[in-house]
Every structure is written in structure tokens, then in C-alpha cells.
Amino acid sequence: MNYPSPRHWLLLDAICRWQSLSKAADKLALSQPAASQALKELEQRLGYPLFLRQNRQLLPTQAALDLLPKLQQLLQLQQELVDPSPARGELRLVASETIGCYLLPALLAEFTTLYPDIGFQLQICNSSEVQMQLRQQQAQLGFIEGPLLSSEFSVQYWQQDQLVLIGSPHFHTAIAEDGEPSAAATALQAVRWIVRERGSGTRAVLENELTRLGWTPATVLELQRPEAIKQAVKQGLGIGCLPLLAVQDEIAAGQLLLLPNPLQLRRHLSLVLQPGYQSPLLQTFLEFLQQKSQLMP
């Protein structure tokens, strides 16, 4: 089928608005003969008349009036293709565990209140997988913990995060109360460490610090989820290293024990993007995130 072109639909909309072929032609920067020919072509392709002539006015037929609601939707979609809205659409996000579980939910709830026509897809994985999702164009914006070694992405510092060592109040109180630094260091290395898998930002920051201090834990148990690490620590399987955000409620409730240590475990949380074009929708979200980061401790 020989479908009408965007020019035909714009002309139909303009004539309905102005009820005049000459005014519609003027608004669309067309000559009156060109507009008249385009209207004739449109009616031929649709197979029915669109206007009745009364005096110098063009009055839409019932067929034209029936088209108008769908025509407005079509023109709006066409406009959004050319000039995307900064307040309507869907964002595809991918975040590492701490950010996706403990920071983004509250931020997305607040952002959705401000922009109810913006939706989200959020995938949670470790930092190396975040980069893979971005590389494969499956996400527009990534959130990672710790350093980013690749130069293929644009990285924006967002805020800081603190990692802590945790133990069980039933099994590790002696370590927490040992006031002698060398004895505490020996005791910490002698127990099993329960840590995130390789590729996670938490694991990378911890390993850098262990190397800096020359520490070597006696045994290491890898678990992929913070909740699994917390439960293992509570059962006395070993001590864990997790973001303070992930354990602060359990520490306050006395379910986990904060273990003093000399490790410097502060890290950067960063926004990761493909370099180049950023949609107006993504720019709106980035501005919101930067504003919120200034208010966070």
C-alpha cells in the first residue's frame, strides 16, 4: 500500500486547525498549489473525502474527525523521534549490588514522583558485569563500586562509600576487644574471611588493601550475595567485608559486630556511560543524581 507521508498528515492537522487551505499552506511553508495537490493525494490514498467546502472554509468530514485522535498520537510520536522529551520514556540502568540494593530504590522513588512519565529497567550485578552490559548496549547508565580500569567508558565520580569488617557477637567478640594492634592483626588473619566473588567492586577494594598491608587471610570463602555473607557471619563461619550501607541495620540491632581494623576501605561510587550522545531523558536523570549526591553524607 502507498501510505501517506508525514507531510500529508501535517497538512491534514493544519487544515483541521485553521479550516483554511491557504493558512495551512502558509504555516507549513508550502505554496497553495502544492498544498492542494497534497490534500488531493491524501484523499485518494485514503479513499474518501476529508473536507467539505463552505464559503471559504474547509470543514472536516466525519471521517476526518474520526482520524484526528490517532493523528495526534502519530504526530506526537513523530515529534518525540525528532526531539525526544526529557520527561517521558524509559531508562535502562545497571548497577552493582550495593548501589542497586541500598541506594537506588529510594532515589528512583523520589525521581518517579518528580517525573511520573519516566519508567525504569534496573539490572543488578557485579561491577565487571555492569561494564559488559554497557559494552553490549543493554543499558544506558551504569553504577559501579571501586576503580574502573577500562578507558572505553566515560566515568563520573558520584559519592563515597565505606566498607567494614563484620563479625558475629557470639563468636568474634575477643577480636573486637583486642586492644593490641599487632595481636588484632594476627587474630583477624587467622580466621576465615567471607568475601564477595572476583569481579565485584567490594572484592577489588579489599584485595588492594590486603596487598598494601601485606595481610594474607588463612582461608577465604567466596559468596556472591551480601545477604549470604551476613548470614554466614552470624553463624560463625568467619568474618565478612561488606559496605556499611548493607550492614548498618544489623549492627545497630546487635546482630553483627563491627570489627576495628587498620584497613582503609573507603571507595568511590561512580556513574559509567558510553562516551558521546546522551539523550535528554538521561541528562534529566544525571542532573537529579548529581543534585542528590551533594546532599548525601
C-alpha atoms as a PDB file:
ATOM      1  CA  MET A   1       0.000   0.000   0.000  1.00  0.00           C
ATOM      2  CA  ASN A   2       1.149   3.503  -0.841  1.00  0.00           C
ATOM      3  CA  TYR A   3       0.957   5.042   2.636  1.00  0.00           C
ATOM      4  CA  PRO A   4       0.565   8.793   3.163  1.00  0.00           C
ATOM      5  CA  SER A   5       3.794  10.614   4.011  1.00  0.00           C
ATOM      6  CA  PRO A   6       4.436  12.701   7.168  1.00  0.00           C
ATOM      7  CA  ARG A   7       3.850  15.804   5.015  1.00  0.00           C
ATOM      8  CA  HIS A   8       0.301  14.632   4.263  1.00  0.00           C
ATOM      9  CA  TRP A   9      -0.502  14.127   7.958  1.00  0.00           C
ATOM     10  CA  LEU A  10       0.932  17.510   8.920  1.00  0.00           C
ATOM     11  CA  LEU A  11      -1.204  19.140   6.248  1.00  0.00           C
ATOM     12  CA  LEU A  12      -4.332  17.366   7.476  1.00  0.00           C
ATOM     13  CA  ASP A  13      -3.654  18.536  11.021  1.00  0.00           C
ATOM     14  CA  ALA A  14      -3.017  22.130   9.914  1.00  0.00           C
ATOM     15  CA  ILE A  15      -6.187  22.327   7.789  1.00  0.00           C
ATOM     16  CA  CYS A  16      -8.270  20.986  10.694  1.00  0.00           C
ATOM     17  CA  ARG A  17      -6.773  23.633  12.956  1.00  0.00           C
ATOM     18  CA  TRP A  18      -7.217  26.583  10.619  1.00  0.00           C
ATOM     19  CA  GLN A  19     -10.110  25.380   8.429  1.00  0.00           C
ATOM     20  CA  SER A  20      -8.301  27.027   5.542  1.00  0.00           C
ATOM     21  CA  LEU A  21      -6.025  25.535   2.898  1.00  0.00           C
ATOM     22  CA  SER A  22      -4.142  28.814   2.377  1.00  0.00           C
ATOM     23  CA  LYS A  23      -3.469  29.296   6.099  1.00  0.00           C
ATOM     24  CA  ALA A  24      -2.361  25.685   6.452  1.00  0.00           C
ATOM     25  CA  ALA A  25      -0.041  26.053   3.455  1.00  0.00           C
ATOM     26  CA  ASP A  26       1.424  29.229   4.966  1.00  0.00           C
ATOM     27  CA  LYS A  27       2.076  27.535   8.329  1.00  0.00           C
ATOM     28  CA  LEU A  28       3.856  24.644   6.608  1.00  0.00           C
ATOM     29  CA  ALA A  29       5.801  26.886   4.196  1.00  0.00           C
ATOM     30  CA  LEU A  30       4.054  25.349   1.168  1.00  0.00           C
ATOM     31  CA  SER A  31       2.660  27.028  -1.905  1.00  0.00           C
ATOM     32  CA  GLN A  32      -1.119  26.821  -2.180  1.00  0.00           C
ATOM     33  CA  PRO A  33      -0.969  24.647  -5.337  1.00  0.00           C
ATOM     34  CA  ALA A  34       1.415  22.231  -3.586  1.00  0.00           C
ATOM     35  CA  ALA A  35      -0.877  22.064  -0.549  1.00  0.00           C
ATOM     36  CA  SER A  36      -3.922  21.500  -2.764  1.00  0.00           C
ATOM     37  CA  GLN A  37      -2.147  18.693  -4.612  1.00  0.00           C
ATOM     38  CA  ALA A  38      -1.019  17.077  -1.336  1.00  0.00           C
ATOM     39  CA  LEU A  39      -4.589  17.145   0.025  1.00  0.00           C
ATOM     40  CA  LYS A  40      -5.870  15.563  -3.169  1.00  0.00           C
ATOM     41  CA  GLU A  41      -3.216  12.818  -2.922  1.00  0.00           C
ATOM     42  CA  LEU A  42      -4.149  12.137   0.708  1.00  0.00           C
ATOM     43  CA  GLU A  43      -7.847  11.762  -0.062  1.00  0.00           C
ATOM     44  CA  GLN A  44      -7.037   9.456  -2.991  1.00  0.00           C
ATOM     45  CA  ARG A  45      -4.821   7.230  -0.841  1.00  0.00           C
ATOM     46  CA  LEU A  46      -7.398   7.052   1.957  1.00  0.00           C
ATOM     47  CA  GLY A  47     -10.289   6.554  -0.461  1.00  0.00           C
ATOM     48  CA  TYR A  48     -12.709   9.117   0.995  1.00  0.00           C
ATOM     49  CA  PRO A  49     -13.125  12.918   1.216  1.00  0.00           C
ATOM     50  CA  LEU A  50     -11.730  14.706   4.259  1.00  0.00           C
ATOM     51  CA  PHE A  51     -13.249  18.191   3.952  1.00  0.00           C
ATOM     52  CA  LEU A  52     -16.394  19.959   2.828  1.00  0.00           C
ATOM     53  CA  ARG A  53     -16.119  23.409   1.278  1.00  0.00           C
ATOM     54  CA  GLN A  54     -18.429  26.028   2.748  1.00  0.00           C
ATOM     55  CA  ASN A  55     -17.780  29.569   1.594  1.00  0.00           C
ATOM     56  CA  ARG A  56     -14.011  29.898   2.041  1.00  0.00           C
ATOM     57  CA  GLN A  57     -13.741  27.372   4.829  1.00  0.00           C
ATOM     58  CA  LEU A  58     -12.796  23.703   4.745  1.00  0.00           C
ATOM     59  CA  LEU A  59     -14.888  21.818   7.272  1.00  0.00           C
ATOM     60  CA  PRO A  60     -13.666  18.331   8.303  1.00  0.00           C
ATOM     61  CA  THR A  61     -15.929  15.436   7.388  1.00  0.00           C
ATOM     62  CA  GLN A  62     -16.849  12.828   9.979  1.00  0.00           C
ATOM     63  CA  ALA A  63     -14.143  10.606   8.505  1.00  0.00           C
ATOM     64  CA  ALA A  64     -11.547  13.339   9.165  1.00  0.00           C
ATOM     65  CA  LEU A  65     -12.857  13.882  12.711  1.00  0.00           C
ATOM     66  CA  ASP A  66     -12.538  10.157  13.367  1.00  0.00           C
ATOM     67  CA  LEU A  67      -8.897  10.311  12.252  1.00  0.00           C
ATOM     68  CA  LEU A  68      -7.913  13.208  14.482  1.00  0.00           C
ATOM     69  CA  PRO A  69      -7.262  11.375  17.818  1.00  0.00           C
ATOM     70  CA  LYS A  70      -4.963   8.843  16.139  1.00  0.00           C
ATOM     71  CA  LEU A  71      -3.421  11.605  14.043  1.00  0.00           C
ATOM     72  CA  GLN A  72      -2.458  13.496  17.215  1.00  0.00           C
ATOM     73  CA  GLN A  73      -0.796  10.369  18.609  1.00  0.00           C
ATOM     74  CA  LEU A  74       1.094   9.882  15.349  1.00  0.00           C
ATOM     75  CA  LEU A  75       2.314  13.479  15.259  1.00  0.00           C
ATOM     76  CA  GLN A  76       3.370  13.301  18.920  1.00  0.00           C
ATOM     77  CA  LEU A  77       5.401  10.156  18.254  1.00  0.00           C
ATOM     78  CA  GLN A  78       6.955  11.802  15.220  1.00  0.00           C
ATOM     79  CA  GLN A  79       7.872  14.846  17.312  1.00  0.00           C
ATOM     80  CA  GLU A  80       9.458  12.652  20.012  1.00  0.00           C
ATOM     81  CA  LEU A  81      11.530  10.833  17.402  1.00  0.00           C
ATOM     82  CA  VAL A  82      12.987  14.129  16.226  1.00  0.00           C
ATOM     83  CA  ASP A  83      13.062  15.920  19.590  1.00  0.00           C
ATOM     84  CA  PRO A  84      12.935  13.394  22.478  1.00  0.00           C
ATOM     85  CA  SER A  85      11.230  14.544  25.650  1.00  0.00           C
ATOM     86  CA  PRO A  86      13.430  14.983  28.754  1.00  0.00           C
ATOM     87  CA  ALA A  87      10.491  13.955  30.960  1.00  0.00           C
ATOM     88  CA  ARG A  88       8.959  10.932  29.214  1.00  0.00           C
ATOM     89  CA  GLY A  89      10.262   7.487  28.306  1.00  0.00           C
ATOM     90  CA  GLU A  90      12.209   4.635  29.874  1.00  0.00           C
ATOM     91  CA  LEU A  91      15.759   4.399  31.207  1.00  0.00           C
ATOM     92  CA  ARG A  92      17.749   1.152  31.214  1.00  0.00           C
ATOM     93  CA  LEU A  93      20.024   1.055  34.260  1.00  0.00           C
ATOM     94  CA  VAL A  94      22.534  -1.496  35.521  1.00  0.00           C
ATOM     95  CA  ALA A  95      24.072  -1.277  38.989  1.00  0.00           C
ATOM     96  CA  SER A  96      26.411  -3.189  41.233  1.00  0.00           C
ATOM     97  CA  GLU A  97      24.973  -4.755  44.362  1.00  0.00           C
ATOM     98  CA  THR A  98      25.403  -2.044  47.000  1.00  0.00           C
ATOM     99  CA  ILE A  99      24.107   0.763  44.820  1.00  0.00           C
ATOM    100  CA  GLY A 100      21.280  -1.257  43.297  1.00  0.00           C
ATOM    101  CA  CYS A 101      20.012  -2.609  46.626  1.00  0.00           C
ATOM    102  CA  TYR A 102      20.730   0.149  49.144  1.00  0.00           C
ATOM    103  CA  LEU A 103      20.880   3.491  47.290  1.00  0.00           C
ATOM    104  CA  LEU A 104      18.876   3.404  44.073  1.00  0.00           C
ATOM    105  CA  PRO A 105      15.438   2.286  45.341  1.00  0.00           C
ATOM    106  CA  ALA A 106      14.878   5.445  47.407  1.00  0.00           C
ATOM    107  CA  LEU A 107      16.336   7.667  44.675  1.00  0.00           C
ATOM    108  CA  LEU A 108      14.168   6.114  41.976  1.00  0.00           C
ATOM    109  CA  ALA A 109      11.068   6.534  44.143  1.00  0.00           C
ATOM    110  CA  GLU A 110      11.828  10.235  44.581  1.00  0.00           C
ATOM    111  CA  PHE A 111      12.664  10.722  40.903  1.00  0.00           C
ATOM    112  CA  THR A 112       9.451   8.995  39.811  1.00  0.00           C
ATOM    113  CA  THR A 113       7.469  11.380  41.996  1.00  0.00           C
ATOM    114  CA  LEU A 114       9.067  14.291  40.132  1.00  0.00           C
ATOM    115  CA  TYR A 115       8.791  12.656  36.686  1.00  0.00           C
ATOM    116  CA  PRO A 116       5.875  10.181  36.696  1.00  0.00           C
ATOM    117  CA  ASP A 117       6.126   9.575  32.930  1.00  0.00           C
ATOM    118  CA  ILE A 118       9.652   8.153  33.180  1.00  0.00           C
ATOM    119  CA  GLY A 119       9.990   4.411  33.739  1.00  0.00           C
ATOM    120  CA  PHE A 120      12.982   2.219  34.579  1.00  0.00           C
ATOM    121  CA  GLN A 121      14.540  -1.140  33.938  1.00  0.00           C
ATOM    122  CA  LEU A 122      17.133  -1.934  36.608  1.00  0.00           C
ATOM    123  CA  GLN A 123      19.508  -4.901  36.497  1.00  0.00           C
ATOM    124  CA  ILE A 124      21.762  -5.695  39.483  1.00  0.00           C
ATOM    125  CA  CYS A 125      25.087  -7.496  39.038  1.00  0.00           C
ATOM    126  CA  ASN A 126      28.747  -7.061  39.955  1.00  0.00           C
ATOM    127  CA  SER A 127      30.969  -4.246  38.656  1.00  0.00           C
ATOM    128  CA  SER A 128      32.584  -6.229  35.833  1.00  0.00           C
ATOM    129  CA  GLU A 129      29.166  -7.329  34.569  1.00  0.00           C
ATOM    130  CA  VAL A 130      27.977  -3.714  34.685  1.00  0.00           C
ATOM    131  CA  GLN A 131      30.680  -2.865  32.168  1.00  0.00           C
ATOM    132  CA  MET A 132      29.684  -5.795  29.959  1.00  0.00           C
ATOM    133  CA  GLN A 133      26.047  -4.660  29.890  1.00  0.00           C
ATOM    134  CA  LEU A 134      27.120  -1.169  28.846  1.00  0.00           C
ATOM    135  CA  ARG A 135      29.505  -2.514  26.235  1.00  0.00           C
ATOM    136  CA  GLN A 136      26.695  -4.544  24.683  1.00  0.00           C
ATOM    137  CA  GLN A 137      24.366  -1.505  24.643  1.00  0.00           C
ATOM    138  CA  GLN A 138      21.941  -3.213  27.029  1.00  0.00           C
ATOM    139  CA  ALA A 139      21.978  -0.281  29.451  1.00  0.00           C
ATOM    140  CA  GLN A 140      22.252   3.493  29.134  1.00  0.00           C
ATOM    141  CA  LEU A 141      23.798   4.142  32.531  1.00  0.00           C
ATOM    142  CA  GLY A 142      25.821   2.018  34.939  1.00  0.00           C
ATOM    143  CA  PHE A 143      26.666   2.372  38.616  1.00  0.00           C
ATOM    144  CA  ILE A 144      29.855   0.767  39.941  1.00  0.00           C
ATOM    145  CA  GLU A 145      31.810   0.498  43.189  1.00  0.00           C
ATOM    146  CA  GLY A 146      35.561   0.761  43.189  1.00  0.00           C
ATOM    147  CA  PRO A 147      38.024   1.517  40.369  1.00  0.00           C
ATOM    148  CA  LEU A 148      37.330   1.240  36.652  1.00  0.00           C
ATOM    149  CA  LEU A 149      40.391   0.140  34.693  1.00  0.00           C
ATOM    150  CA  SER A 150      38.917   0.413  31.177  1.00  0.00           C
ATOM    151  CA  SER A 151      39.234   3.698  29.269  1.00  0.00           C
ATOM    152  CA  GLU A 152      36.389   2.942  26.872  1.00  0.00           C
ATOM    153  CA  PHE A 153      33.732   4.499  29.144  1.00  0.00           C
ATOM    154  CA  SER A 154      33.002   7.957  30.473  1.00  0.00           C
ATOM    155  CA  VAL A 155      33.194   7.833  34.292  1.00  0.00           C
ATOM    156  CA  GLN A 156      31.692  10.435  36.627  1.00  0.00           C
ATOM    157  CA  TYR A 157      32.510  10.394  40.320  1.00  0.00           C
ATOM    158  CA  TRP A 158      29.250  10.254  42.287  1.00  0.00           C
ATOM    159  CA  GLN A 159      29.874   9.764  46.019  1.00  0.00           C
ATOM    160  CA  GLN A 160      31.888   7.788  48.570  1.00  0.00           C
ATOM    161  CA  ASP A 161      31.154   4.527  50.338  1.00  0.00           C
ATOM    162  CA  GLN A 162      32.698   2.806  53.374  1.00  0.00           C
ATOM    163  CA  LEU A 163      33.489  -0.897  53.638  1.00  0.00           C
ATOM    164  CA  VAL A 164      33.715  -2.500  57.082  1.00  0.00           C
ATOM    165  CA  LEU A 165      34.776  -5.789  58.623  1.00  0.00           C
ATOM    166  CA  ILE A 166      31.985  -7.555  60.478  1.00  0.00           C
ATOM    167  CA  GLY A 167      31.846 -10.469  62.858  1.00  0.00           C
ATOM    168  CA  SER A 168      29.357 -12.313  65.000  1.00  0.00           C
ATOM    169  CA  PRO A 169      28.758 -11.030  68.579  1.00  0.00           C
ATOM    170  CA  HIS A 170      28.677 -14.697  69.635  1.00  0.00           C
ATOM    171  CA  PHE A 171      31.956 -15.788  68.019  1.00  0.00           C
ATOM    172  CA  HIS A 172      34.203 -12.768  67.392  1.00  0.00           C
ATOM    173  CA  THR A 173      33.927 -10.539  70.470  1.00  0.00           C
ATOM    174  CA  ALA A 174      37.506 -11.299  71.507  1.00  0.00           C
ATOM    175  CA  ILE A 175      38.834  -9.975  68.201  1.00  0.00           C
ATOM    176  CA  ALA A 176      36.798  -6.792  68.525  1.00  0.00           C
ATOM    177  CA  GLU A 177      38.025  -6.167  72.064  1.00  0.00           C
ATOM    178  CA  ASP A 178      41.731  -6.869  71.451  1.00  0.00           C
ATOM    179  CA  GLY A 179      43.412  -3.519  72.036  1.00  0.00           C
ATOM    180  CA  GLU A 180      46.888  -4.511  70.805  1.00  0.00           C
ATOM    181  CA  PRO A 181      47.169  -3.677  67.069  1.00  0.00           C
ATOM    182  CA  SER A 182      49.621  -6.448  66.211  1.00  0.00           C
ATOM    183  CA  ALA A 183      47.631  -9.043  68.128  1.00  0.00           C
ATOM    184  CA  ALA A 184      44.404  -7.877  66.487  1.00  0.00           C
ATOM    185  CA  ALA A 185      46.004  -8.066  63.041  1.00  0.00           C
ATOM    186  CA  THR A 186      47.182 -11.623  63.727  1.00  0.00           C
ATOM    187  CA  ALA A 187      43.755 -12.644  65.032  1.00  0.00           C
ATOM    188  CA  LEU A 188      41.969 -11.180  62.024  1.00  0.00           C
ATOM    189  CA  GLN A 189      44.194 -13.021  59.552  1.00  0.00           C
ATOM    190  CA  ALA A 190      43.849 -16.300  61.437  1.00  0.00           C
ATOM    191  CA  VAL A 191      40.077 -16.600  60.918  1.00  0.00           C
ATOM    192  CA  ARG A 192      38.160 -17.412  57.762  1.00  0.00           C
ATOM    193  CA  TRP A 193      37.251 -14.371  55.610  1.00  0.00           C
ATOM    194  CA  ILE A 194      33.908 -14.460  53.804  1.00  0.00           C
ATOM    195  CA  VAL A 195      34.102 -12.183  50.771  1.00  0.00           C
ATOM    196  CA  ARG A 196      32.393 -11.299  47.501  1.00  0.00           C
ATOM    197  CA  GLU A 197      33.318 -13.007  44.233  1.00  0.00           C
ATOM    198  CA  ARG A 198      36.100 -11.733  41.967  1.00  0.00           C
ATOM    199  CA  GLY A 199      34.798  -9.029  39.656  1.00  0.00           C
ATOM    200  CA  SER A 200      32.869  -7.222  42.378  1.00  0.00           C
ATOM    201  CA  GLY A 201      33.918  -3.728  43.444  1.00  0.00           C
ATOM    202  CA  THR A 202      33.896  -4.762  47.103  1.00  0.00           C
ATOM    203  CA  ARG A 203      36.365  -7.594  46.438  1.00  0.00           C
ATOM    204  CA  ALA A 204      38.689  -5.359  44.399  1.00  0.00           C
ATOM    205  CA  VAL A 205      38.941  -2.689  47.106  1.00  0.00           C
ATOM    206  CA  LEU A 206      39.510  -5.297  49.826  1.00  0.00           C
ATOM    207  CA  GLU A 207      42.258  -7.099  47.908  1.00  0.00           C
ATOM    208  CA  ASN A 208      44.083  -3.815  47.219  1.00  0.00           C
ATOM    209  CA  GLU A 209      44.116  -3.041  50.928  1.00  0.00           C
ATOM    210  CA  LEU A 210      45.214  -6.524  51.956  1.00  0.00           C
ATOM    211  CA  THR A 211      48.108  -6.239  49.491  1.00  0.00           C
ATOM    212  CA  ARG A 212      49.047  -2.805  50.816  1.00  0.00           C
ATOM    213  CA  LEU A 213      49.250  -4.099  54.391  1.00  0.00           C
ATOM    214  CA  GLY A 214      50.810  -7.426  53.418  1.00  0.00           C
ATOM    215  CA  TRP A 215      47.950  -9.362  55.011  1.00  0.00           C
ATOM    216  CA  THR A 216      47.073 -12.914  53.973  1.00  0.00           C
ATOM    217  CA  PRO A 217      43.885 -14.395  55.453  1.00  0.00           C
ATOM    218  CA  ALA A 218      44.278 -18.042  56.463  1.00  0.00           C
ATOM    219  CA  THR A 219      41.209 -19.164  54.486  1.00  0.00           C
ATOM    220  CA  VAL A 220      38.753 -17.439  52.193  1.00  0.00           C
ATOM    221  CA  LEU A 221      35.150 -18.311  51.393  1.00  0.00           C
ATOM    222  CA  GLU A 222      33.527 -16.651  48.352  1.00  0.00           C
ATOM    223  CA  LEU A 223      29.811 -15.869  48.335  1.00  0.00           C
ATOM    224  CA  GLN A 224      28.071 -13.831  45.646  1.00  0.00           C
ATOM    225  CA  ARG A 225      25.406 -12.059  47.680  1.00  0.00           C
ATOM    226  CA  PRO A 226      25.772  -9.680  50.655  1.00  0.00           C
ATOM    227  CA  GLU A 227      22.821 -11.340  52.377  1.00  0.00           C
ATOM    228  CA  ALA A 228      24.564 -14.725  52.149  1.00  0.00           C
ATOM    229  CA  ILE A 229      27.730 -13.226  53.659  1.00  0.00           C
ATOM    230  CA  LYS A 230      25.757 -11.666  56.523  1.00  0.00           C
ATOM    231  CA  GLN A 231      24.028 -14.935  57.355  1.00  0.00           C
ATOM    232  CA  ALA A 232      27.306 -16.878  57.196  1.00  0.00           C
ATOM    233  CA  VAL A 233      28.964 -14.395  59.572  1.00  0.00           C
ATOM    234  CA  LYS A 234      26.039 -14.625  62.005  1.00  0.00           C
ATOM    235  CA  GLN A 235      26.501 -18.400  62.109  1.00  0.00           C
ATOM    236  CA  GLY A 236      30.180 -18.028  62.971  1.00  0.00           C
ATOM    237  CA  LEU A 237      31.612 -19.274  59.664  1.00  0.00           C
ATOM    238  CA  GLY A 238      34.044 -16.347  59.613  1.00  0.00           C
ATOM    239  CA  ILE A 239      34.323 -12.577  59.373  1.00  0.00           C
ATOM    240  CA  GLY A 240      32.972 -10.613  56.423  1.00  0.00           C
ATOM    241  CA  CYS A 241      33.756  -7.476  54.466  1.00  0.00           C
ATOM    242  CA  LEU A 242      30.714  -5.551  53.258  1.00  0.00           C
ATOM    243  CA  PRO A 243      29.598  -1.956  52.662  1.00  0.00           C
ATOM    244  CA  LEU A 244      28.416  -0.191  55.808  1.00  0.00           C
ATOM    245  CA  LEU A 245      25.182   0.566  53.945  1.00  0.00           C
ATOM    246  CA  ALA A 246      24.465  -3.162  53.761  1.00  0.00           C
ATOM    247  CA  VAL A 247      25.029  -3.955  57.443  1.00  0.00           C
ATOM    248  CA  GLN A 248      24.257  -0.813  59.445  1.00  0.00           C
ATOM    249  CA  ASP A 249      20.798  -2.031  60.486  1.00  0.00           C
ATOM    250  CA  GLU A 250      22.170  -5.372  61.745  1.00  0.00           C
ATOM    251  CA  ILE A 251      24.999  -3.626  63.612  1.00  0.00           C
ATOM    252  CA  ALA A 252      22.523  -1.264  65.289  1.00  0.00           C
ATOM    253  CA  ALA A 253      20.349  -4.244  66.272  1.00  0.00           C
ATOM    254  CA  GLY A 254      23.307  -6.125  67.766  1.00  0.00           C
ATOM    255  CA  GLN A 255      23.097  -8.946  65.225  1.00  0.00           C
ATOM    256  CA  LEU A 256      26.518  -8.174  63.737  1.00  0.00           C
ATOM    257  CA  LEU A 257      29.677  -6.811  65.299  1.00  0.00           C
ATOM    258  CA  LEU A 258      31.849  -4.054  63.817  1.00  0.00           C
ATOM    259  CA  LEU A 259      35.488  -5.182  63.918  1.00  0.00           C
ATOM    260  CA  PRO A 260      38.144  -2.448  64.329  1.00  0.00           C
ATOM    261  CA  ASN A 261      40.948  -2.740  61.773  1.00  0.00           C
ATOM    262  CA  PRO A 262      43.635  -0.644  60.038  1.00  0.00           C
ATOM    263  CA  LEU A 263      42.312  -1.261  56.524  1.00  0.00           C
ATOM    264  CA  GLN A 264      41.492   1.878  54.525  1.00  0.00           C
ATOM    265  CA  LEU A 265      38.277   0.745  52.894  1.00  0.00           C
ATOM    266  CA  ARG A 266      36.670   3.913  51.584  1.00  0.00           C
ATOM    267  CA  ARG A 267      35.852   3.761  47.894  1.00  0.00           C
ATOM    268  CA  HIS A 268      34.284   5.795  45.130  1.00  0.00           C
ATOM    269  CA  LEU A 269      30.841   5.081  43.728  1.00  0.00           C
ATOM    270  CA  SER A 270      30.779   6.143  40.081  1.00  0.00           C
ATOM    271  CA  LEU A 271      28.424   6.630  37.169  1.00  0.00           C
ATOM    272  CA  VAL A 272      29.555   4.913  33.970  1.00  0.00           C
ATOM    273  CA  LEU A 273      28.339   5.847  30.480  1.00  0.00           C
ATOM    274  CA  GLN A 274      29.179   5.241  26.883  1.00  0.00           C
ATOM    275  CA  PRO A 275      31.002   8.364  25.611  1.00  0.00           C
ATOM    276  CA  GLY A 276      29.190  10.637  23.194  1.00  0.00           C
ATOM    277  CA  TYR A 277      25.468  11.163  22.824  1.00  0.00           C
ATOM    278  CA  GLN A 278      23.286  11.436  25.929  1.00  0.00           C
ATOM    279  CA  SER A 279      19.526  11.614  25.437  1.00  0.00           C
ATOM    280  CA  PRO A 280      17.590  14.478  27.068  1.00  0.00           C
ATOM    281  CA  LEU A 281      15.926  11.843  29.250  1.00  0.00           C
ATOM    282  CA  LEU A 282      19.278  10.550  30.504  1.00  0.00           C
ATOM    283  CA  GLN A 283      20.514  14.108  31.076  1.00  0.00           C
ATOM    284  CA  THR A 284      17.492  14.785  33.287  1.00  0.00           C
ATOM    285  CA  PHE A 285      18.315  11.741  35.430  1.00  0.00           C
ATOM    286  CA  LEU A 286      22.025  12.580  35.632  1.00  0.00           C
ATOM    287  CA  GLU A 287      21.260  16.113  36.833  1.00  0.00           C
ATOM    288  CA  PHE A 288      18.983  14.659  39.516  1.00  0.00           C
ATOM    289  CA  LEU A 289      21.678  12.202  40.675  1.00  0.00           C
ATOM    290  CA  GLN A 290      24.320  14.910  40.935  1.00  0.00           C
ATOM    291  CA  GLN A 291      21.976  17.129  42.937  1.00  0.00           C
ATOM    292  CA  LYS A 292      21.191  14.285  45.324  1.00  0.00           C
ATOM    293  CA  SER A 293      24.859  13.325  45.751  1.00  0.00           C
ATOM    294  CA  GLN A 294      25.551  16.786  47.169  1.00  0.00           C
ATOM    295  CA  LEU A 295      23.042  16.113  49.948  1.00  0.00           C
ATOM    296  CA  MET A 296      24.363  12.656  50.879  1.00  0.00           C
ATOM    297  CA  PRO A 297      26.971  12.142  53.611  1.00  0.00           C
END
